[in-house]
Amino acid sequence: MFVPWNQMPEHARLWNYTASRLLGEDEVAALAEACQQFCNDWASHGSSLTASFQIEHACILRLAVDESNHAASGCSIDSSVKLVKECEENLKVTFFNRLLSVPVLGSETRPMELEELKSAYQGGQIEEETAMVNTSAAQILQLLHSPTLPLHRWWAYPRIK
């Protein structure tokens, strides 16, 4: 059962997917439609899951489940992966490259591959305090407390300095 993102509890389990490029408005709308339908139908062992999604910065998809009534099972998680893979195919984009990061550069955000992030750091375009969109939060609460993290606390920092 879909519920609006702002009605999800803080303890809701979270999955984050970063697109390999910024999505256009029509692509965001198509992704939102697919996610809304999926969340409406998402179930675990025949029990409806309370679920939501959020699309941020035109490149980050977040799926959330309130597991207080029913936990997401392996099969239900597999079905969410299938959804994201179908969206990849339809949008001609990749969501499963875990080496993507999204720095906040003024009012601009965009996904960067690890090597591009390294070049930007070494070239001075980003610094240790540059905000990185948090795509590693496992619960909504973690995301609320830390929507961004400074680069020096980001998982990729040791690989780019």
Protein backbone atom coordinates (compact mmCIF):
# COMPACT_ATOMS: atom_id res chain seq x y z
CA MET A 1 0.00 0.00 0.00
CA PHE A 2 1.44 3.32 -1.07
CA VAL A 3 1.57 6.15 1.46
CA PRO A 4 3.08 9.60 0.89
CA TRP A 5 6.76 9.86 1.79
CA ASN A 6 6.12 12.38 4.58
CA GLN A 7 3.80 9.87 6.28
CA MET A 8 6.40 7.12 6.48
CA PRO A 9 7.76 6.47 9.99
CA GLU A 10 11.37 7.34 10.77
CA HIS A 11 12.22 3.67 11.34
CA ALA A 12 11.16 2.72 7.79
CA ARG A 13 13.72 0.63 5.92
CA LEU A 14 15.30 2.39 2.98
CA TRP A 15 16.87 1.41 -0.34
CA ASN A 16 18.74 4.04 -2.36
CA TYR A 17 19.46 3.95 -6.09
CA THR A 18 21.51 6.55 -7.96
CA ALA A 19 20.94 7.04 -11.67
CA SER A 20 23.96 7.28 -13.92
CA ARG A 21 22.73 10.63 -15.24
CA LEU A 22 20.18 13.30 -14.46
CA LEU A 23 16.67 12.36 -15.54
CA GLY A 24 14.48 14.71 -17.55
CA GLU A 25 11.06 15.82 -16.31
CA ASP A 26 9.21 13.23 -18.42
CA GLU A 27 11.57 10.50 -17.18
CA VAL A 28 11.04 11.52 -13.55
CA ALA A 29 7.28 11.42 -14.12
CA ALA A 30 7.50 7.95 -15.71
CA LEU A 31 9.69 6.70 -12.85
CA ALA A 32 7.27 8.14 -10.28
CA GLU A 33 4.31 6.48 -11.98
CA ALA A 34 6.04 3.08 -12.03
CA CYS A 35 7.10 3.42 -8.38
CA GLN A 36 3.64 4.51 -7.23
CA GLN A 37 2.02 1.52 -8.90
CA PHE A 38 4.69 -0.80 -7.50
CA CYS A 39 4.26 0.55 -3.94
CA ASN A 40 0.48 0.11 -4.22
CA ASP A 41 0.96 -3.56 -5.07
CA TRP A 42 4.11 -4.40 -3.07
CA ALA A 43 3.56 -7.44 -0.84
CA SER A 44 5.50 -9.90 1.27
CA HIS A 45 4.12 -13.44 1.46
CA GLY A 46 0.68 -12.18 0.48
CA SER A 47 0.62 -9.32 3.01
CA SER A 48 0.55 -5.77 1.68
CA LEU A 49 3.60 -3.68 2.58
CA THR A 50 3.28 -0.06 3.62
CA ALA A 51 5.66 1.57 1.16
CA SER A 52 6.68 4.84 -0.40
CA PHE A 53 9.26 6.32 -2.71
CA GLN A 54 11.00 9.60 -3.29
CA ILE A 55 12.91 10.90 -6.31
CA GLU A 56 15.51 13.51 -5.39
CA HIS A 57 17.75 15.74 -7.48
CA ALA A 58 16.43 14.07 -10.66
CA CYS A 59 18.85 11.18 -10.09
CA ILE A 60 18.20 9.47 -6.74
CA LEU A 61 15.41 6.97 -6.23
CA ARG A 62 14.57 5.99 -2.66
CA LEU A 63 12.19 3.15 -1.81
CA ALA A 64 10.98 2.78 1.78
CA VAL A 65 9.02 0.14 3.68
CA ASP A 66 7.45 0.36 7.13
CA GLU A 67 8.30 -3.07 8.51
CA SER A 68 6.43 -2.60 11.79
CA ASN A 69 3.50 -4.73 10.52
CA HIS A 70 5.13 -6.88 7.83
CA ALA A 71 8.82 -7.26 7.07
CA ALA A 72 10.05 -7.15 3.50
CA SER A 73 11.01 -10.71 2.55
CA GLY A 74 13.68 -11.83 0.12
CA CYS A 75 11.09 -12.31 -2.58
CA SER A 76 9.55 -8.89 -2.01
CA ILE A 77 12.98 -7.26 -2.11
CA ASP A 78 13.70 -9.17 -5.32
CA SER A 79 10.51 -7.71 -6.79
CA SER A 80 11.72 -4.18 -5.97
CA VAL A 81 15.03 -4.92 -7.70
CA LYS A 82 13.04 -6.15 -10.71
CA LEU A 83 11.13 -2.84 -10.74
CA VAL A 84 14.35 -0.81 -10.70
CA LYS A 85 15.87 -2.97 -13.47
CA GLU A 86 12.74 -2.48 -15.60
CA CYS A 87 13.01 1.27 -15.03
CA GLU A 88 16.67 1.13 -16.07
CA GLU A 89 15.68 -0.53 -19.31
CA ASN A 90 12.80 1.84 -20.01
CA LEU A 91 14.80 4.98 -19.19
CA LYS A 92 18.12 3.82 -20.71
CA VAL A 93 19.94 4.57 -17.46
CA THR A 94 21.83 2.58 -14.82
CA PHE A 95 20.71 2.49 -11.17
CA PHE A 96 23.03 -0.26 -9.91
CA ASN A 97 26.45 1.40 -10.18
CA ARG A 98 27.40 1.65 -6.50
CA LEU A 99 30.46 3.75 -7.36
CA LEU A 100 28.31 6.79 -8.18
CA SER A 101 28.28 9.77 -5.83
CA VAL A 102 26.20 12.95 -5.92
CA PRO A 103 28.05 16.08 -4.75
CA VAL A 104 26.17 19.30 -4.05
CA LEU A 105 27.91 22.06 -5.96
CA GLY A 106 26.05 25.26 -5.14
CA SER A 107 22.54 24.67 -6.43
CA GLU A 108 23.68 21.91 -8.80
CA THR A 109 23.76 18.20 -8.12
CA ARG A 110 24.62 15.45 -10.54
CA PRO A 111 25.90 11.90 -10.32
CA MET A 112 29.64 11.42 -10.68
CA GLU A 113 31.63 8.25 -11.28
CA LEU A 114 34.48 7.61 -8.85
CA GLU A 115 37.16 8.68 -11.34
CA GLU A 116 35.31 11.93 -12.13
CA LEU A 117 34.93 12.61 -8.42
CA LYS A 118 38.66 12.00 -7.95
CA SER A 119 39.53 14.40 -10.80
CA ALA A 120 37.18 17.05 -9.39
CA TYR A 121 38.79 16.71 -5.95
CA GLN A 122 42.33 16.80 -7.28
CA GLY A 123 41.42 19.74 -9.53
CA GLY A 124 39.94 21.72 -6.63
CA GLN A 125 36.33 21.76 -7.90
CA ILE A 126 35.27 19.89 -4.78
CA GLU A 127 36.84 19.96 -1.32
CA GLU A 128 36.80 17.94 1.89
CA GLU A 129 33.74 19.86 3.12
CA THR A 130 31.75 19.53 -0.12
CA ALA A 131 28.33 18.10 0.72
CA MET A 132 27.56 14.67 -0.72
CA VAL A 133 23.93 13.54 -0.98
CA ASN A 134 23.48 10.68 1.49
CA THR A 135 22.72 7.56 -0.52
CA SER A 136 23.87 5.13 2.16
CA ALA A 137 21.13 5.69 4.75
CA ALA A 138 19.37 2.44 5.69
CA GLN A 139 16.42 4.11 7.45
CA ILE A 140 14.51 7.34 6.92
CA LEU A 141 15.71 8.53 10.34
CA GLN A 142 19.34 8.40 9.17
CA LEU A 143 18.38 10.39 6.10
CA LEU A 144 16.54 13.00 8.19
CA HIS A 145 19.57 13.47 10.46
CA SER A 146 22.12 13.47 7.65
CA PRO A 147 20.64 14.29 4.23
CA THR A 148 24.17 15.14 3.16
CA LEU A 149 27.62 14.23 4.46
CA PRO A 150 30.87 16.13 3.97
CA LEU A 151 33.18 14.52 1.43
CA HIS A 152 35.77 13.73 4.11
CA ARG A 153 33.14 11.45 5.77
CA TRP A 154 31.95 9.93 2.50
CA TRP A 155 32.74 6.29 1.69
CA ALA A 156 34.69 7.29 -1.44
CA TYR A 157 37.01 9.79 0.24
CA PRO A 158 39.85 7.34 0.94
CA ARG A 159 39.77 6.33 -2.74
CA ILE A 160 40.05 9.85 -4.15
CA LYS A 161 42.46 11.71 -1.90
